[in-house]
């Protein structure tokens, strides 16, 4: 059984755009992140990203995880660690 899912991008049929309203902004961010993290895209783009780009992506995601998730949520939701469920 897969631990990760990207179902939203497969089901979403709403507007992909930013700045109209909070719900559309949230949906657009989910859509973009799921499209961006596609394995084939990542295989291509990570080879082209500069060291600075790689660092910025890593630091942004790490910062958001620390800011908005508890330690328990980090382990269960992000790391998928079954010992922290």
PDB file of N, CA and C in Angstrom:
ATOM      1  N   UNK A   1       0.839  -1.187   0.000  1.00  0.00           N
ATOM      2  CA  UNK A   1       0.000   0.000   0.000  1.00  0.00           C
ATOM      3  C   UNK A   1       0.882   1.248   0.000  1.00  0.00           C
ATOM      4  N   UNK A   2       0.602   2.158  -0.880  1.00  0.00           N
ATOM      5  CA  UNK A   2       1.367   3.397  -0.973  1.00  0.00           C
ATOM      6  C   UNK A   2       1.095   4.284   0.241  1.00  0.00           C
ATOM      7  N   UNK A   3       2.142   4.902   0.746  1.00  0.00           N
ATOM      8  CA  UNK A   3       1.998   5.817   1.877  1.00  0.00           C
ATOM      9  C   UNK A   3       1.642   7.232   1.430  1.00  0.00           C
ATOM     10  N   UNK A   4       2.016   7.592   0.211  1.00  0.00           N
ATOM     11  CA  UNK A   4       1.797   8.946  -0.284  1.00  0.00           C
ATOM     12  C   UNK A   4       0.680   8.956  -1.316  1.00  0.00           C
ATOM     13  N   UNK A   5       0.001  10.080  -1.402  1.00  0.00           N
ATOM     14  CA  UNK A   5      -1.065  10.218  -2.396  1.00  0.00           C
ATOM     15  C   UNK A   5      -0.997  11.605  -3.029  1.00  0.00           C
ATOM     16  N   UNK A   6      -1.439  11.655  -4.247  1.00  0.00           N
ATOM     17  CA  UNK A   6      -1.572  12.914  -4.973  1.00  0.00           C
ATOM     18  C   UNK A   6      -2.906  12.897  -5.711  1.00  0.00           C
ATOM     19  N   UNK A   7      -3.946  12.615  -4.984  1.00  0.00           N
ATOM     20  CA  UNK A   7      -5.266  12.459  -5.587  1.00  0.00           C
ATOM     21  C   UNK A   7      -5.929  13.783  -5.962  1.00  0.00           C
ATOM     22  N   UNK A   8      -5.638  14.830  -5.229  1.00  0.00           N
ATOM     23  CA  UNK A   8      -6.299  16.118  -5.463  1.00  0.00           C
ATOM     24  C   UNK A   8      -6.134  16.556  -6.917  1.00  0.00           C
ATOM     25  N   UNK A   9      -4.907  16.509  -7.400  1.00  0.00           N
ATOM     26  CA  UNK A   9      -4.623  16.980  -8.757  1.00  0.00           C
ATOM     27  C   UNK A   9      -5.350  16.140  -9.808  1.00  0.00           C
ATOM     28  N   UNK A  10      -5.640  14.895  -9.494  1.00  0.00           N
ATOM     29  CA  UNK A  10      -6.356  14.026 -10.432  1.00  0.00           C
ATOM     30  C   UNK A  10      -7.855  14.328 -10.463  1.00  0.00           C
ATOM     31  N   UNK A  11      -8.396  14.814  -9.350  1.00  0.00           N
ATOM     32  CA  UNK A  11      -9.838  15.060  -9.236  1.00  0.00           C
ATOM     33  C   UNK A  11     -10.238  16.517  -9.474  1.00  0.00           C
ATOM     34  N   UNK A  12      -9.328  17.442  -9.247  1.00  0.00           N
ATOM     35  CA  UNK A  12      -9.669  18.860  -9.240  1.00  0.00           C
ATOM     36  C   UNK A  12     -10.043  19.350 -10.633  1.00  0.00           C
ATOM     37  N   UNK A  13     -11.179  20.037 -10.715  1.00  0.00           N
ATOM     38  CA  UNK A  13     -11.608  20.590 -11.999  1.00  0.00           C
ATOM     39  C   UNK A  13     -11.912  22.085 -11.889  1.00  0.00           C
ATOM     40  N   UNK A  14     -11.529  22.672 -10.764  1.00  0.00           N
ATOM     41  CA  UNK A  14     -11.788  24.086 -10.557  1.00  0.00           C
ATOM     42  C   UNK A  14     -10.751  24.977 -11.208  1.00  0.00           C
ATOM     43  N   UNK A  15     -10.886  26.244 -10.927  1.00  0.00           N
ATOM     44  CA  UNK A  15      -9.977  27.251 -11.458  1.00  0.00           C
ATOM     45  C   UNK A  15      -8.577  27.074 -10.878  1.00  0.00           C
ATOM     46  N   UNK A  16      -7.573  27.145 -11.724  1.00  0.00           N
ATOM     47  CA  UNK A  16      -6.179  27.198 -11.276  1.00  0.00           C
ATOM     48  C   UNK A  16      -5.728  28.625 -11.511  1.00  0.00           C
ATOM     49  N   UNK A  17      -5.688  29.382 -10.434  1.00  0.00           N
ATOM     50  CA  UNK A  17      -5.323  30.784 -10.507  1.00  0.00           C
ATOM     51  C   UNK A  17      -5.129  31.311  -9.101  1.00  0.00           C
ATOM     52  N   UNK A  18      -4.551  32.459  -8.991  1.00  0.00           N
ATOM     53  CA  UNK A  18      -4.220  32.980  -7.677  1.00  0.00           C
ATOM     54  C   UNK A  18      -4.712  34.413  -7.538  1.00  0.00           C
ATOM     55  N   UNK A  19      -5.231  34.733  -6.338  1.00  0.00           N
ATOM     56  CA  UNK A  19      -5.615  36.099  -6.032  1.00  0.00           C
ATOM     57  C   UNK A  19      -7.107  36.373  -6.061  1.00  0.00           C
ATOM     58  N   UNK A  20      -7.902  35.396  -6.437  1.00  0.00           N
ATOM     59  CA  UNK A  20      -9.350  35.621  -6.481  1.00  0.00           C
ATOM     60  C   UNK A  20      -9.983  35.521  -5.097  1.00  0.00           C
ATOM     61  N   UNK A  21      -9.675  34.433  -4.397  1.00  0.00           N
ATOM     62  CA  UNK A  21     -10.209  34.212  -3.056  1.00  0.00           C
ATOM     63  C   UNK A  21      -9.366  33.154  -2.361  1.00  0.00           C
ATOM     64  N   UNK A  22      -9.504  33.039  -1.060  1.00  0.00           N
ATOM     65  CA  UNK A  22      -8.671  32.136  -0.265  1.00  0.00           C
ATOM     66  C   UNK A  22      -8.813  30.679  -0.712  1.00  0.00           C
ATOM     67  N   UNK A  23     -10.038  30.198  -0.936  1.00  0.00           N
ATOM     68  CA  UNK A  23     -10.263  28.795  -1.314  1.00  0.00           C
ATOM     69  C   UNK A  23      -9.588  28.463  -2.637  1.00  0.00           C
ATOM     70  N   UNK A  24      -9.732  29.321  -3.632  1.00  0.00           N
ATOM     71  CA  UNK A  24      -9.086  29.094  -4.921  1.00  0.00           C
ATOM     72  C   UNK A  24      -7.575  29.147  -4.776  1.00  0.00           C
ATOM     73  N   UNK A  25      -7.060  30.066  -3.947  1.00  0.00           N
ATOM     74  CA  UNK A  25      -5.618  30.137  -3.694  1.00  0.00           C
ATOM     75  C   UNK A  25      -5.110  28.831  -3.077  1.00  0.00           C
ATOM     76  N   UNK A  26      -5.838  28.311  -2.076  1.00  0.00           N
ATOM     77  CA  UNK A  26      -5.435  27.055  -1.431  1.00  0.00           C
ATOM     78  C   UNK A  26      -5.449  25.907  -2.435  1.00  0.00           C
ATOM     79  N   UNK A  27      -6.527  25.815  -3.222  1.00  0.00           N
ATOM     80  CA  UNK A  27      -6.632  24.750  -4.216  1.00  0.00           C
ATOM     81  C   UNK A  27      -5.518  24.853  -5.254  1.00  0.00           C
ATOM     82  N   UNK A  28      -5.201  26.065  -5.667  1.00  0.00           N
ATOM     83  CA  UNK A  28      -4.146  26.276  -6.655  1.00  0.00           C
ATOM     84  C   UNK A  28      -2.782  25.859  -6.107  1.00  0.00           C
ATOM     85  N   UNK A  29      -2.515  26.177  -4.861  1.00  0.00           N
ATOM     86  CA  UNK A  29      -1.236  25.777  -4.258  1.00  0.00           C
ATOM     87  C   UNK A  29      -1.140  24.253  -4.188  1.00  0.00           C
ATOM     88  N   UNK A  30      -2.217  23.593  -3.761  1.00  0.00           N
ATOM     89  CA  UNK A  30      -2.218  22.127  -3.730  1.00  0.00           C
ATOM     90  C   UNK A  30      -1.981  21.580  -5.135  1.00  0.00           C
ATOM     91  N   UNK A  31      -2.697  22.104  -6.105  1.00  0.00           N
ATOM     92  CA  UNK A  31      -2.577  21.670  -7.503  1.00  0.00           C
ATOM     93  C   UNK A  31      -1.134  21.832  -8.001  1.00  0.00           C
ATOM     94  N   UNK A  32      -0.570  23.015  -7.798  1.00  0.00           N
ATOM     95  CA  UNK A  32       0.797  23.278  -8.253  1.00  0.00           C
ATOM     96  C   UNK A  32       1.813  22.373  -7.561  1.00  0.00           C
ATOM     97  N   UNK A  33       1.688  22.219  -6.247  1.00  0.00           N
ATOM     98  CA  UNK A  33       2.646  21.385  -5.529  1.00  0.00           C
ATOM     99  C   UNK A  33       2.568  19.928  -5.969  1.00  0.00           C
ATOM    100  N   UNK A  34       1.352  19.423  -6.185  1.00  0.00           N
ATOM    101  CA  UNK A  34       1.224  18.038  -6.628  1.00  0.00           C
ATOM    102  C   UNK A  34       1.730  17.861  -8.057  1.00  0.00           C
ATOM    103  N   UNK A  35       1.472  18.810  -8.915  1.00  0.00           N
ATOM    104  CA  UNK A  35       2.017  18.750 -10.277  1.00  0.00           C
ATOM    105  C   UNK A  35       3.541  18.857 -10.237  1.00  0.00           C
ATOM    106  N   UNK A  36       4.055  19.761  -9.421  1.00  0.00           N
ATOM    107  CA  UNK A  36       5.491  20.001  -9.323  1.00  0.00           C
ATOM    108  C   UNK A  36       6.232  18.762  -8.812  1.00  0.00           C
ATOM    109  N   UNK A  37       5.608  18.020  -7.898  1.00  0.00           N
ATOM    110  CA  UNK A  37       6.301  16.882  -7.285  1.00  0.00           C
ATOM    111  C   UNK A  37       6.171  15.588  -8.090  1.00  0.00           C
ATOM    112  N   UNK A  38       5.597  15.652  -9.257  1.00  0.00           N
ATOM    113  CA  UNK A  38       5.511  14.477 -10.120  1.00  0.00           C
ATOM    114  C   UNK A  38       6.906  13.888 -10.339  1.00  0.00           C
ATOM    115  N   UNK A  39       7.021  12.576 -10.213  1.00  0.00           N
ATOM    116  CA  UNK A  39       8.321  11.917 -10.303  1.00  0.00           C
ATOM    117  C   UNK A  39       9.074  12.239 -11.595  1.00  0.00           C
ATOM    118  N   UNK A  40       8.394  12.204 -12.730  1.00  0.00           N
ATOM    119  CA  UNK A  40       9.079  12.470 -14.004  1.00  0.00           C
ATOM    120  C   UNK A  40       9.558  13.910 -14.099  1.00  0.00           C
ATOM    121  N   UNK A  41       8.724  14.836 -13.629  1.00  0.00           N
ATOM    122  CA  UNK A  41       9.131  16.243 -13.633  1.00  0.00           C
ATOM    123  C   UNK A  41      10.323  16.453 -12.706  1.00  0.00           C
ATOM    124  N   UNK A  42      10.258  15.871 -11.512  1.00  0.00           N
ATOM    125  CA  UNK A  42      11.359  16.023 -10.550  1.00  0.00           C
ATOM    126  C   UNK A  42      12.661  15.462 -11.085  1.00  0.00           C
ATOM    127  N   UNK A  43      12.563  14.345 -11.803  1.00  0.00           N
ATOM    128  CA  UNK A  43      13.755  13.727 -12.395  1.00  0.00           C
ATOM    129  C   UNK A  43      14.452  14.697 -13.357  1.00  0.00           C
ATOM    130  N   UNK A  44      13.672  15.460 -14.098  1.00  0.00           N
ATOM    131  CA  UNK A  44      14.228  16.416 -15.059  1.00  0.00           C
ATOM    132  C   UNK A  44      14.680  17.696 -14.370  1.00  0.00           C
ATOM    133  N   UNK A  45      13.793  18.291 -13.570  1.00  0.00           N
ATOM    134  CA  UNK A  45      14.070  19.641 -13.064  1.00  0.00           C
ATOM    135  C   UNK A  45      15.146  19.677 -11.990  1.00  0.00           C
ATOM    136  N   UNK A  46      15.233  18.656 -11.146  1.00  0.00           N
ATOM    137  CA  UNK A  46      16.240  18.710 -10.071  1.00  0.00           C
ATOM    138  C   UNK A  46      17.659  18.735 -10.626  1.00  0.00           C
ATOM    139  N   UNK A  47      17.867  18.116 -11.768  1.00  0.00           N
ATOM    140  CA  UNK A  47      19.201  18.134 -12.399  1.00  0.00           C
ATOM    141  C   UNK A  47      19.556  19.518 -12.912  1.00  0.00           C
ATOM    142  N   UNK A  48      18.542  20.330 -13.170  1.00  0.00           N
ATOM    143  CA  UNK A  48      18.747  21.666 -13.740  1.00  0.00           C
ATOM    144  C   UNK A  48      18.767  22.773 -12.695  1.00  0.00           C
ATOM    145  N   UNK A  49      18.256  22.494 -11.518  1.00  0.00           N
ATOM    146  CA  UNK A  49      18.223  23.504 -10.462  1.00  0.00           C
ATOM    147  C   UNK A  49      19.631  23.796  -9.961  1.00  0.00           C
ATOM    148  N   UNK A  50      19.880  25.053  -9.675  1.00  0.00           N
ATOM    149  CA  UNK A  50      21.168  25.424  -9.096  1.00  0.00           C
ATOM    150  C   UNK A  50      21.218  24.969  -7.637  1.00  0.00           C
ATOM    151  N   UNK A  51      22.410  24.961  -7.065  1.00  0.00           N
ATOM    152  CA  UNK A  51      22.544  24.640  -5.638  1.00  0.00           C
ATOM    153  C   UNK A  51      21.712  25.608  -4.804  1.00  0.00           C
ATOM    154  N   UNK A  52      21.706  26.872  -5.211  1.00  0.00           N
ATOM    155  CA  UNK A  52      20.925  27.879  -4.491  1.00  0.00           C
ATOM    156  C   UNK A  52      19.429  27.562  -4.570  1.00  0.00           C
ATOM    157  N   UNK A  53      18.948  27.188  -5.750  1.00  0.00           N
ATOM    158  CA  UNK A  53      17.538  26.827  -5.912  1.00  0.00           C
ATOM    159  C   UNK A  53      17.166  25.632  -5.035  1.00  0.00           C
ATOM    160  N   UNK A  54      17.996  24.606  -5.061  1.00  0.00           N
ATOM    161  CA  UNK A  54      17.746  23.418  -4.240  1.00  0.00           C
ATOM    162  C   UNK A  54      17.672  23.796  -2.765  1.00  0.00           C
ATOM    163  N   UNK A  55      18.601  24.613  -2.326  1.00  0.00           N
ATOM    164  CA  UNK A  55      18.635  25.052  -0.932  1.00  0.00           C
ATOM    165  C   UNK A  55      17.393  25.871  -0.581  1.00  0.00           C
ATOM    166  N   UNK A  56      16.988  26.767  -1.464  1.00  0.00           N
ATOM    167  CA  UNK A  56      15.802  27.595  -1.207  1.00  0.00           C
ATOM    168  C   UNK A  56      14.538  26.746  -1.092  1.00  0.00           C
ATOM    169  N   UNK A  57      14.388  25.771  -1.965  1.00  0.00           N
ATOM    170  CA  UNK A  57      13.213  24.883  -1.898  1.00  0.00           C
ATOM    171  C   UNK A  57      13.225  24.114  -0.589  1.00  0.00           C
ATOM    172  N   UNK A  58      14.366  23.537  -0.251  1.00  0.00           N
ATOM    173  CA  UNK A  58      14.475  22.766   0.978  1.00  0.00           C
ATOM    174  C   UNK A  58      14.193  23.636   2.204  1.00  0.00           C
ATOM    175  N   UNK A  59      14.785  24.811   2.259  1.00  0.00           N
ATOM    176  CA  UNK A  59      14.601  25.704   3.405  1.00  0.00           C
ATOM    177  C   UNK A  59      13.158  26.190   3.523  1.00  0.00           C
ATOM    178  N   UNK A  60      12.519  26.507   2.405  1.00  0.00           N
ATOM    179  CA  UNK A  60      11.125  26.955   2.441  1.00  0.00           C
ATOM    180  C   UNK A  60      10.225  25.853   2.987  1.00  0.00           C
ATOM    181  N   UNK A  61      10.353  24.658   2.454  1.00  0.00           N
ATOM    182  CA  UNK A  61       9.500  23.553   2.905  1.00  0.00           C
ATOM    183  C   UNK A  61       9.780  23.228   4.365  1.00  0.00           C
ATOM    184  N   UNK A  62      11.037  23.158   4.751  1.00  0.00           N
ATOM    185  CA  UNK A  62      11.388  22.866   6.147  1.00  0.00           C
ATOM    186  C   UNK A  62      10.826  23.918   7.095  1.00  0.00           C
ATOM    187  N   UNK A  63      10.935  25.172   6.707  1.00  0.00           N
ATOM    188  CA  UNK A  63      10.429  26.266   7.529  1.00  0.00           C
ATOM    189  C   UNK A  63       8.909  26.174   7.703  1.00  0.00           C
ATOM    190  N   UNK A  64       8.197  25.894   6.632  1.00  0.00           N
ATOM    191  CA  UNK A  64       6.741  25.770   6.706  1.00  0.00           C
ATOM    192  C   UNK A  64       6.328  24.584   7.571  1.00  0.00           C
ATOM    193  N   UNK A  65       7.026  23.482   7.442  1.00  0.00           N
ATOM    194  CA  UNK A  65       6.724  22.307   8.259  1.00  0.00           C
ATOM    195  C   UNK A  65       6.927  22.613   9.742  1.00  0.00           C
ATOM    196  N   UNK A  66       8.035  23.273  10.071  1.00  0.00           N
ATOM    197  CA  UNK A  66       8.315  23.623  11.473  1.00  0.00           C
ATOM    198  C   UNK A  66       7.284  24.612  12.012  1.00  0.00           C
ATOM    199  N   UNK A  67       6.863  25.551  11.188  1.00  0.00           N
ATOM    200  CA  UNK A  67       5.950  26.602  11.623  1.00  0.00           C
ATOM    201  C   UNK A  67       4.518  26.099  11.829  1.00  0.00           C
ATOM    202  N   UNK A  68       4.062  25.200  10.984  1.00  0.00           N
ATOM    203  CA  UNK A  68       2.645  24.855  10.977  1.00  0.00           C
ATOM    204  C   UNK A  68       2.292  23.447  11.439  1.00  0.00           C
ATOM    205  N   UNK A  69       3.286  22.609  11.702  1.00  0.00           N
ATOM    206  CA  UNK A  69       3.007  21.266  12.194  1.00  0.00           C
ATOM    207  C   UNK A  69       3.628  21.055  13.560  1.00  0.00           C
ATOM    208  N   UNK A  70       2.897  20.356  14.409  1.00  0.00           N
ATOM    209  CA  UNK A  70       3.482  19.914  15.674  1.00  0.00           C
ATOM    210  C   UNK A  70       4.485  18.805  15.351  1.00  0.00           C
ATOM    211  N   UNK A  71       5.296  18.450  16.320  1.00  0.00           N
ATOM    212  CA  UNK A  71       6.261  17.367  16.102  1.00  0.00           C
ATOM    213  C   UNK A  71       5.541  16.069  15.749  1.00  0.00           C
ATOM    214  N   UNK A  72       4.436  15.803  16.438  1.00  0.00           N
ATOM    215  CA  UNK A  72       3.663  14.584  16.161  1.00  0.00           C
ATOM    216  C   UNK A  72       3.109  14.615  14.738  1.00  0.00           C
ATOM    217  N   UNK A  73       2.552  15.751  14.324  1.00  0.00           N
ATOM    218  CA  UNK A  73       2.031  15.878  12.969  1.00  0.00           C
ATOM    219  C   UNK A  73       3.137  15.723  11.929  1.00  0.00           C
ATOM    220  N   UNK A  74       4.299  16.303  12.220  1.00  0.00           N
ATOM    221  CA  UNK A  74       5.447  16.181  11.312  1.00  0.00           C
ATOM    222  C   UNK A  74       5.793  14.712  11.086  1.00  0.00           C
ATOM    223  N   UNK A  75       5.867  13.956  12.168  1.00  0.00           N
ATOM    224  CA  UNK A  75       6.234  12.539  12.057  1.00  0.00           C
ATOM    225  C   UNK A  75       5.142  11.720  11.368  1.00  0.00           C
ATOM    226  N   UNK A  76       3.895  11.978  11.708  1.00  0.00           N
ATOM    227  CA  UNK A  76       2.829  11.153  11.138  1.00  0.00           C
ATOM    228  C   UNK A  76       2.427  11.596   9.731  1.00  0.00           C
ATOM    229  N   UNK A  77       2.298  12.906   9.498  1.00  0.00           N
ATOM    230  CA  UNK A  77       1.813  13.400   8.208  1.00  0.00           C
ATOM    231  C   UNK A  77       2.907  13.533   7.157  1.00  0.00           C
ATOM    232  N   UNK A  78       4.073  14.012   7.548  1.00  0.00           N
ATOM    233  CA  UNK A  78       5.146  14.234   6.579  1.00  0.00           C
ATOM    234  C   UNK A  78       6.051  13.017   6.449  1.00  0.00           C
ATOM    235  N   UNK A  79       6.563  12.524   7.567  1.00  0.00           N
ATOM    236  CA  UNK A  79       7.469  11.378   7.526  1.00  0.00           C
ATOM    237  C   UNK A  79       6.748  10.049   7.337  1.00  0.00           C
ATOM    238  N   UNK A  80       5.442  10.037   7.598  1.00  0.00           N
ATOM    239  CA  UNK A  80       4.638   8.812   7.510  1.00  0.00           C
ATOM    240  C   UNK A  80       5.189   7.739   8.458  1.00  0.00           C
ATOM    241  N   UNK A  81       5.612   8.171   9.611  1.00  0.00           N
ATOM    242  CA  UNK A  81       6.172   7.283  10.638  1.00  0.00           C
ATOM    243  C   UNK A  81       5.029   6.654  11.421  1.00  0.00           C
ATOM    244  N   UNK A  82       4.787   5.361  11.259  1.00  0.00           N
ATOM    245  CA  UNK A  82       3.644   4.736  11.939  1.00  0.00           C
ATOM    246  C   UNK A  82       3.779   4.714  13.456  1.00  0.00           C
ATOM    247  N   UNK A  83       4.962   4.873  13.981  1.00  0.00           N
ATOM    248  CA  UNK A  83       5.155   4.882  15.438  1.00  0.00           C
ATOM    249  C   UNK A  83       4.680   6.182  16.075  1.00  0.00           C
ATOM    250  N   UNK A  84       4.365   7.201  15.264  1.00  0.00           N
ATOM    251  CA  UNK A  84       3.914   8.489  15.795  1.00  0.00           C
ATOM    252  C   UNK A  84       2.438   8.762  15.490  1.00  0.00           C
ATOM    253  N   UNK A  85       1.711   7.750  15.059  1.00  0.00           N
ATOM    254  CA  UNK A  85       0.268   7.930  14.790  1.00  0.00           C
ATOM    255  C   UNK A  85      -0.506   7.978  16.073  1.00  0.00           C
TER     256      UNK A  85
END
